C-alpha atoms as a PDB file:
ATOM      1  CA  MET A   1     -16.407  -7.492  -5.288  1.00  0.00           C
ATOM      2  CA  TYR A   2     -12.507  -7.759  -5.289  1.00  0.00           C
ATOM      3  CA  LYS A   3     -10.080  -5.322  -6.032  1.00  0.00           C
ATOM      4  CA  VAL A   4      -6.756  -4.875  -7.758  1.00  0.00           C
ATOM      5  CA  PHE A   5      -4.576  -1.747  -7.317  1.00  0.00           C
ATOM      6  CA  PHE A   6      -2.465  -1.383 -10.448  1.00  0.00           C
ATOM      7  CA  ASN A   7       0.361   1.595  -8.705  1.00  0.00           C
ATOM      8  CA  ASP A   8      -3.123   4.111  -7.743  1.00  0.00           C
ATOM      9  CA  ARG A   9      -5.539   3.043 -10.462  1.00  0.00           C
ATOM     10  CA  ILE A  10      -7.825  -0.013  -9.405  1.00  0.00           C
ATOM     11  CA  VAL A  11      -9.333  -2.634 -11.206  1.00  0.00           C
ATOM     12  CA  LEU A  12     -13.176  -3.964  -9.625  1.00  0.00           C
ATOM     13  CA  LEU A  13     -14.346  -7.080 -10.109  1.00  0.00           C
ATOM     14  CA  THR A  14     -18.028  -7.073  -9.284  1.00  0.00           C
ATOM     15  CA  ASP A  15     -21.521  -9.568  -9.709  1.00  0.00           C
ATOM     16  CA  ASP A  16     -23.270  -5.892  -9.624  1.00  0.00           C
ATOM     17  CA  PHE A  17     -23.119  -4.153 -13.132  1.00  0.00           C
ATOM     18  CA  ILE A  18     -26.024  -1.922 -12.976  1.00  0.00           C
ATOM     19  CA  ARG A  19     -25.095  -0.701  -9.418  1.00  0.00           C
ATOM     20  CA  ASN A  20     -21.318   0.312 -10.764  1.00  0.00           C
ATOM     21  CA  PHE A  21     -22.622   1.420 -13.844  1.00  0.00           C
ATOM     22  CA  GLN A  22     -24.986   4.221 -12.237  1.00  0.00           C
ATOM     23  CA  GLU A  23     -22.638   5.578  -9.332  1.00  0.00           C
ATOM     24  CA  LYS A  24     -18.836   4.657 -10.784  1.00  0.00           C
ATOM     25  CA  GLU A  25     -17.093   6.042 -13.522  1.00  0.00           C
ATOM     26  CA  GLY A  26     -14.368   4.763 -15.373  1.00  0.00           C
ATOM     27  CA  LEU A  27     -14.044   1.717 -17.981  1.00  0.00           C
ATOM     28  CA  PHE A  28     -16.759  -1.567 -18.023  1.00  0.00           C
ATOM     29  CA  TYR A  29     -16.379  -4.559 -19.395  1.00  0.00           C
ATOM     30  CA  LYS A  30     -18.474  -7.416 -19.109  1.00  0.00           C
ATOM     31  CA  PHE A  31     -16.482 -10.707 -18.965  1.00  0.00           C
ATOM     32  CA  ARG A  32     -16.792 -13.500 -22.065  1.00  0.00           C
ATOM     33  CA  ASP A  33     -13.772 -15.378 -22.384  1.00  0.00           C
ATOM     34  CA  ILE A  34     -10.006 -15.177 -21.371  1.00  0.00           C
ATOM     35  CA  ASP A  35      -7.966 -13.848 -24.189  1.00  0.00           C
ATOM     36  CA  GLU A  36     -10.246 -10.935 -24.482  1.00  0.00           C
ATOM     37  CA  LEU A  37      -9.721 -10.285 -20.475  1.00  0.00           C
ATOM     38  CA  LYS A  38      -6.534 -10.569 -21.189  1.00  0.00           C
ATOM     39  CA  GLU A  39      -6.657  -7.882 -24.096  1.00  0.00           C
ATOM     40  CA  VAL A  40      -8.666  -5.514 -21.946  1.00  0.00           C
ATOM     41  CA  ILE A  41      -6.023  -5.885 -18.909  1.00  0.00           C
ATOM     42  CA  ASP A  42      -3.020  -5.012 -21.320  1.00  0.00           C
ATOM     43  CA  PHE A  43      -5.237  -1.637 -22.769  1.00  0.00           C
ATOM     44  CA  PHE A  44      -5.852  -0.991 -19.314  1.00  0.00           C
ATOM     45  CA  TRP A  45      -2.392  -1.577 -17.996  1.00  0.00           C
ATOM     46  CA  GLU A  46      -1.429   1.401 -21.156  1.00  0.00           C
ATOM     47  CA  MET A  47      -4.123   3.684 -21.004  1.00  0.00           C
ATOM     48  CA  LYS A  48      -2.934   5.528 -17.858  1.00  0.00           C
ATOM     49  CA  LEU A  49      -5.689   7.983 -17.965  1.00  0.00           C
ATOM     50  CA  ILE A  50      -8.496   5.293 -16.886  1.00  0.00           C
ATOM     51  CA  THR A  51      -8.434   4.876 -13.415  1.00  0.00           C
ATOM     52  CA  LYS A  52     -10.875   2.495 -13.002  1.00  0.00           C
ATOM     53  CA  LEU A  53     -11.531  -0.345 -14.751  1.00  0.00           C
ATOM     54  CA  PHE A  54     -14.840  -2.358 -13.567  1.00  0.00           C
ATOM     55  CA  ILE A  55     -14.585  -6.240 -14.694  1.00  0.00           C
ATOM     56  CA  PHE A  56     -18.300  -8.029 -14.479  1.00  0.00           C
ATOM     57  CA  HIS A  57     -19.417 -11.452 -14.631  1.00  0.00           C
ATOM     58  CA  SER A  58     -22.326 -13.159 -12.265  1.00  0.00           C
ATOM     59  CA  GLU A  59     -20.487 -15.554 -11.130  1.00  0.00           C
ATOM     60  CA  ILE A  60     -17.730 -13.491  -8.486  1.00  0.00           C
ATOM     61  CA  ASN A  61     -15.902 -16.488  -7.662  1.00  0.00           C
ATOM     62  CA  GLU A  62     -15.387 -17.945 -11.157  1.00  0.00           C
ATOM     63  CA  LEU A  63     -14.411 -15.065 -12.844  1.00  0.00           C
ATOM     64  CA  ARG A  64     -11.775 -13.896  -9.707  1.00  0.00           C
ATOM     65  CA  GLU A  65      -9.567 -17.526 -10.357  1.00  0.00           C
ATOM     66  CA  LYS A  66     -10.350 -16.229 -14.246  1.00  0.00           C
ATOM     67  CA  PHE A  67      -8.427 -13.157 -13.606  1.00  0.00           C
ATOM     68  CA  LYS A  68      -5.493 -14.350 -11.391  1.00  0.00           C
ATOM     69  CA  THR A  69      -4.538 -17.269 -14.416  1.00  0.00           C
ATOM     70  CA  CYS A  70      -3.782 -13.852 -16.922  1.00  0.00           C
ATOM     71  CA  PHE A  71      -0.975 -13.080 -14.057  1.00  0.00           C
ATOM     72  CA  MET A  72       2.062 -14.613 -12.682  1.00  0.00           C
ATOM     73  CA  GLU A  73       1.249 -14.945  -9.252  1.00  0.00           C
ATOM     74  CA  ILE A  74       2.810 -13.686  -5.755  1.00  0.00           C
ATOM     75  CA  ASN A  75       2.069 -14.482  -2.161  1.00  0.00           C
ATOM     76  CA  ALA A  76       3.093 -11.925   0.294  1.00  0.00           C
ATOM     77  CA  ALA A  77       2.437 -11.157   3.683  1.00  0.00           C
ATOM     78  CA  GLY A  78       2.801  -8.056   6.041  1.00  0.00           C
ATOM     79  CA  GLY A  79       1.551  -6.922   9.822  1.00  0.00           C
ATOM     80  CA  LEU A  80      -0.005  -3.548  11.339  1.00  0.00           C
ATOM     81  CA  VAL A  81       1.821  -3.792  14.504  1.00  0.00           C
ATOM     82  CA  LYS A  82       0.314  -2.296  17.402  1.00  0.00           C
ATOM     83  CA  ASN A  83       2.913  -1.300  21.019  1.00  0.00           C
ATOM     84  CA  LYS A  84       2.133  -1.412  24.321  1.00  0.00           C
ATOM     85  CA  ASP A  85       1.906   2.262  23.662  1.00  0.00           C
ATOM     86  CA  ASP A  86      -1.209   1.789  21.579  1.00  0.00           C
ATOM     87  CA  LYS A  87       1.215   3.542  18.333  1.00  0.00           C
ATOM     88  CA  TYR A  88       1.380   1.915  15.365  1.00  0.00           C
ATOM     89  CA  LEU A  89       4.929   0.805  13.550  1.00  0.00           C
ATOM     90  CA  MET A  90       5.098   2.433   9.654  1.00  0.00           C
ATOM     91  CA  ILE A  91       8.267   2.496   7.885  1.00  0.00           C
ATOM     92  CA  TYR A  92       9.656   5.002   5.040  1.00  0.00           C
ATOM     93  CA  ARG A  93      10.039   2.866   2.340  1.00  0.00           C
ATOM     94  CA  ARG A  94      10.963   4.704  -1.388  1.00  0.00           C
ATOM     95  CA  ASP A  95       9.727   8.012  -0.041  1.00  0.00           C
ATOM     96  CA  LYS A  96       6.398   6.448   0.566  1.00  0.00           C
ATOM     97  CA  TRP A  97       4.965   5.430   4.317  1.00  0.00           C
ATOM     98  CA  ASP A  98       4.305   1.748   4.080  1.00  0.00           C
ATOM     99  CA  LEU A  99       3.381  -1.377   6.380  1.00  0.00           C
ATOM    100  CA  PRO A 100       6.127  -4.257   6.632  1.00  0.00           C
ATOM    101  CA  LYS A 101       5.791  -7.192   4.479  1.00  0.00           C
ATOM    102  CA  GLY A 102       7.602  -9.408   1.757  1.00  0.00           C
ATOM    103  CA  LYS A 103       7.075 -12.705   0.351  1.00  0.00           C
ATOM    104  CA  LEU A 104       6.567 -16.182   1.107  1.00  0.00           C
ATOM    105  CA  ASN A 105       9.559 -18.479   1.025  1.00  0.00           C
ATOM    106  CA  HIS A 106       9.243 -21.789  -0.281  1.00  0.00           C
ATOM    107  CA  ASN A 107       6.463 -23.434   1.788  1.00  0.00           C
ATOM    108  CA  GLU A 108       6.134 -20.934   4.312  1.00  0.00           C
ATOM    109  CA  THR A 109       2.865 -20.196   5.817  1.00  0.00           C
ATOM    110  CA  HIS A 110       1.430 -16.526   5.584  1.00  0.00           C
ATOM    111  CA  GLU A 111       1.537 -16.256   9.221  1.00  0.00           C
ATOM    112  CA  ASP A 112       5.431 -17.247   9.934  1.00  0.00           C
ATOM    113  CA  ALA A 113       6.196 -14.813   6.512  1.00  0.00           C
ATOM    114  CA  ALA A 114       4.539 -11.765   8.160  1.00  0.00           C
ATOM    115  CA  LEU A 115       6.893 -12.535  11.344  1.00  0.00           C
ATOM    116  CA  ARG A 116       9.585 -13.415   9.552  1.00  0.00           C
ATOM    117  CA  GLU A 117       9.109  -9.980   7.345  1.00  0.00           C
ATOM    118  CA  VAL A 118       8.113  -7.788  10.020  1.00  0.00           C
ATOM    119  CA  THR A 119      11.498  -9.041  12.083  1.00  0.00           C
ATOM    120  CA  GLU A 120      13.630  -8.077   9.367  1.00  0.00           C
ATOM    121  CA  GLU A 121      13.097  -5.266   8.007  1.00  0.00           C
ATOM    122  CA  CYS A 122      12.117  -3.601  11.778  1.00  0.00           C
ATOM    123  CA  GLY A 123      14.683  -5.132  13.789  1.00  0.00           C
ATOM    124  CA  ILE A 124      11.914  -6.175  15.942  1.00  0.00           C
ATOM    125  CA  SER A 125      11.687  -9.424  17.774  1.00  0.00           C
ATOM    126  CA  ASP A 126       8.914 -10.862  20.883  1.00  0.00           C
ATOM    127  CA  LEU A 127       6.191 -10.336  18.016  1.00  0.00           C
ATOM    128  CA  LYS A 128       3.031 -11.853  18.074  1.00  0.00           C
ATOM    129  CA  ILE A 129       0.228 -12.294  16.084  1.00  0.00           C
ATOM    130  CA  ILE A 130      -3.257 -10.758  16.994  1.00  0.00           C
ATOM    131  CA  SER A 131      -5.790 -11.719  14.238  1.00  0.00           C
ATOM    132  CA  PRO A 132      -5.505 -12.051  10.726  1.00  0.00           C
ATOM    133  CA  LEU A 133      -6.980  -9.168   8.953  1.00  0.00           C
ATOM    134  CA  LEU A 134      -7.886  -8.643   4.601  1.00  0.00           C
ATOM    135  CA  SER A 135      -5.598  -9.641   1.831  1.00  0.00           C
ATOM    136  CA  THR A 136      -4.856  -7.048  -0.799  1.00  0.00           C
ATOM    137  CA  TYR A 137      -3.907  -7.147  -4.628  1.00  0.00           C
ATOM    138  CA  HIS A 138      -1.748  -5.446  -6.756  1.00  0.00           C
ATOM    139  CA  CYS A 139      -0.272  -5.751  -9.974  1.00  0.00           C
ATOM    140  CA  TYR A 140       3.213  -4.826 -11.053  1.00  0.00           C
ATOM    141  CA  LEU A 141       5.166  -5.269 -14.267  1.00  0.00           C
ATOM    142  CA  GLN A 142       8.226  -7.207 -13.661  1.00  0.00           C
ATOM    143  CA  HIS A 143      10.365  -8.703 -16.654  1.00  0.00           C
ATOM    144  CA  GLY A 144       7.871  -7.666 -19.472  1.00  0.00           C
ATOM    145  CA  GLN A 145       5.450  -9.793 -16.986  1.00  0.00           C
ATOM    146  CA  LEU A 146       2.307  -9.082 -15.078  1.00  0.00           C
ATOM    147  CA  VAL A 147       2.613  -9.983 -11.566  1.00  0.00           C
ATOM    148  CA  LEU A 148      -0.518 -10.121  -9.252  1.00  0.00           C
ATOM    149  CA  LYS A 149       0.680 -10.125  -5.588  1.00  0.00           C
ATOM    150  CA  ARG A 150      -1.475 -11.034  -3.142  1.00  0.00           C
ATOM    151  CA  THR A 151      -0.843  -9.728   0.542  1.00  0.00           C
ATOM    152  CA  GLN A 152      -1.801 -11.172   3.881  1.00  0.00           C
ATOM    153  CA  TRP A 153      -2.079  -8.674   6.128  1.00  0.00           C
ATOM    154  CA  TYR A 154      -2.213  -9.358  10.166  1.00  0.00           C
ATOM    155  CA  GLU A 155      -2.855  -7.446  13.006  1.00  0.00           C
ATOM    156  CA  MET A 156       0.488  -7.657  15.651  1.00  0.00           C
ATOM    157  CA  TYR A 157       1.215  -7.433  18.895  1.00  0.00           C
ATOM    158  CA  TYR A 158       4.758  -6.306  20.304  1.00  0.00           C
ATOM    159  CA  GLY A 159       5.964  -6.296  23.454  1.00  0.00           C
ATOM    160  CA  GLY A 160       9.182  -5.498  23.313  1.00  0.00           C
ATOM    161  CA  HIS A 161      12.313  -2.640  24.153  1.00  0.00           C
ATOM    162  CA  GLU A 162      13.998  -2.776  20.798  1.00  0.00           C
ATOM    163  CA  ASP A 163      14.286   0.478  18.991  1.00  0.00           C
ATOM    164  CA  PRO A 164      13.506  -0.307  15.585  1.00  0.00           C
ATOM    165  CA  LEU A 165      16.380  -0.375  12.604  1.00  0.00           C
ATOM    166  CA  PRO A 166      15.113  -0.461   9.115  1.00  0.00           C
ATOM    167  CA  GLN A 167      16.665  -3.051   6.929  1.00  0.00           C
ATOM    168  CA  HIS A 168      18.489  -0.674   3.949  1.00  0.00           C
ATOM    169  CA  ASP A 169      19.195  -3.456   1.657  1.00  0.00           C
ATOM    170  CA  GLU A 170      15.219  -3.198   1.293  1.00  0.00           C
ATOM    171  CA  ASP A 171      15.185   0.087   0.667  1.00  0.00           C
ATOM    172  CA  ILE A 172      13.531   1.081   4.506  1.00  0.00           C
ATOM    173  CA  THR A 173      15.011   4.550   5.431  1.00  0.00           C
ATOM    174  CA  GLU A 174      13.194   5.301   8.617  1.00  0.00           C
ATOM    175  CA  ILE A 175      11.054   3.878  11.234  1.00  0.00           C
ATOM    176  CA  LYS A 176       8.685   4.949  13.659  1.00  0.00           C
ATOM    177  CA  TRP A 177       5.961   4.661  15.870  1.00  0.00           C
ATOM    178  CA  PHE A 178       2.411   6.631  15.178  1.00  0.00           C
ATOM    179  CA  LYS A 179      -0.687   7.562  17.535  1.00  0.00           C
ATOM    180  CA  SER A 180      -3.668   6.152  16.149  1.00  0.00           C
ATOM    181  CA  GLU A 181      -4.956   9.858  15.592  1.00  0.00           C
ATOM    182  CA  ASP A 182      -1.888  10.817  13.787  1.00  0.00           C
ATOM    183  CA  LEU A 183      -2.080   8.303  11.170  1.00  0.00           C
ATOM    184  CA  HIS A 184      -4.393  10.359   8.736  1.00  0.00           C
ATOM    185  CA  LYS A 185      -1.275  12.855   8.014  1.00  0.00           C
ATOM    186  CA  LEU A 186       0.076  10.114   6.138  1.00  0.00           C
ATOM    187  CA  LEU A 187      -2.961   9.676   3.484  1.00  0.00           C
ATOM    188  CA  ASN A 188      -1.038  12.083   0.860  1.00  0.00           C
ATOM    189  CA  ASN A 189       2.173   9.656   0.879  1.00  0.00           C
ATOM    190  CA  THR A 190       1.543   6.432   1.390  1.00  0.00           C
ATOM    191  CA  TYR A 191      -0.266   3.585  -0.771  1.00  0.00           C
ATOM    192  CA  PRO A 192      -3.986   2.610  -1.557  1.00  0.00           C
ATOM    193  CA  ALA A 193      -3.793  -0.785   0.199  1.00  0.00           C
ATOM    194  CA  ILE A 194      -2.157   0.594   3.069  1.00  0.00           C
ATOM    195  CA  ILE A 195      -5.210   2.918   3.483  1.00  0.00           C
ATOM    196  CA  ASP A 196      -7.005   0.286   3.198  1.00  0.00           C
ATOM    197  CA  VAL A 197      -5.797  -1.720   5.698  1.00  0.00           C
ATOM    198  CA  LEU A 198      -5.830   1.352   7.999  1.00  0.00           C
ATOM    199  CA  HIS A 199      -9.421   1.463   7.170  1.00  0.00           C
ATOM    200  CA  TYR A 200     -10.168  -2.461   7.553  1.00  0.00           C
ATOM    201  CA  SER A 201      -8.455  -1.785  11.156  1.00  0.00           C
ATOM    202  CA  ASN A 202     -10.799   0.701  12.125  1.00  0.00           C
ATOM    203  CA  LEU A 203      -7.479   3.740  12.501  1.00  0.00           C
ATOM    204  CA  LEU A 204      -8.990   5.682   9.657  1.00  0.00           C
END
């Protein structure tokens, strides 16, 4: 199953229709062709009261590739950073707690982009990637076109002593280190994709 966030709403791509139909609620669609799929996605975008859309096809990887053709794609990367005190870095951007991330530059790898974005947005260096985490998918409207952004996340370690400096031109107003046991306090004021990253890292 693949999950795509439309702000706080979710599109799920699945090959297990019966289980999801029995256990979940939302809008259900069995994939037939690209044109119809685009209409369903546009309908879901407009119908804000529908919080979940399940799209079913027996070949899940084929469905994922067909789904991607309905959007302009953007690749991004970001980091979940831990310091020597076992605290985790969070940024406060546009009235939400978030993790540092950003778009890949031309010919840039995901790893290099993740390190660069954390350095630029948080003003810290001496970062090291420990391991890749999950990818999250987010859809938004840009200049009248639906965009599908894939963000590859990495676990990072920060061994330096610099005080983080928020990148104000990226609308970051605060940077704070949190103990793992305090991260749950952010759940009501962060994004679903960030919650998925924290869950994947066994921090929630």
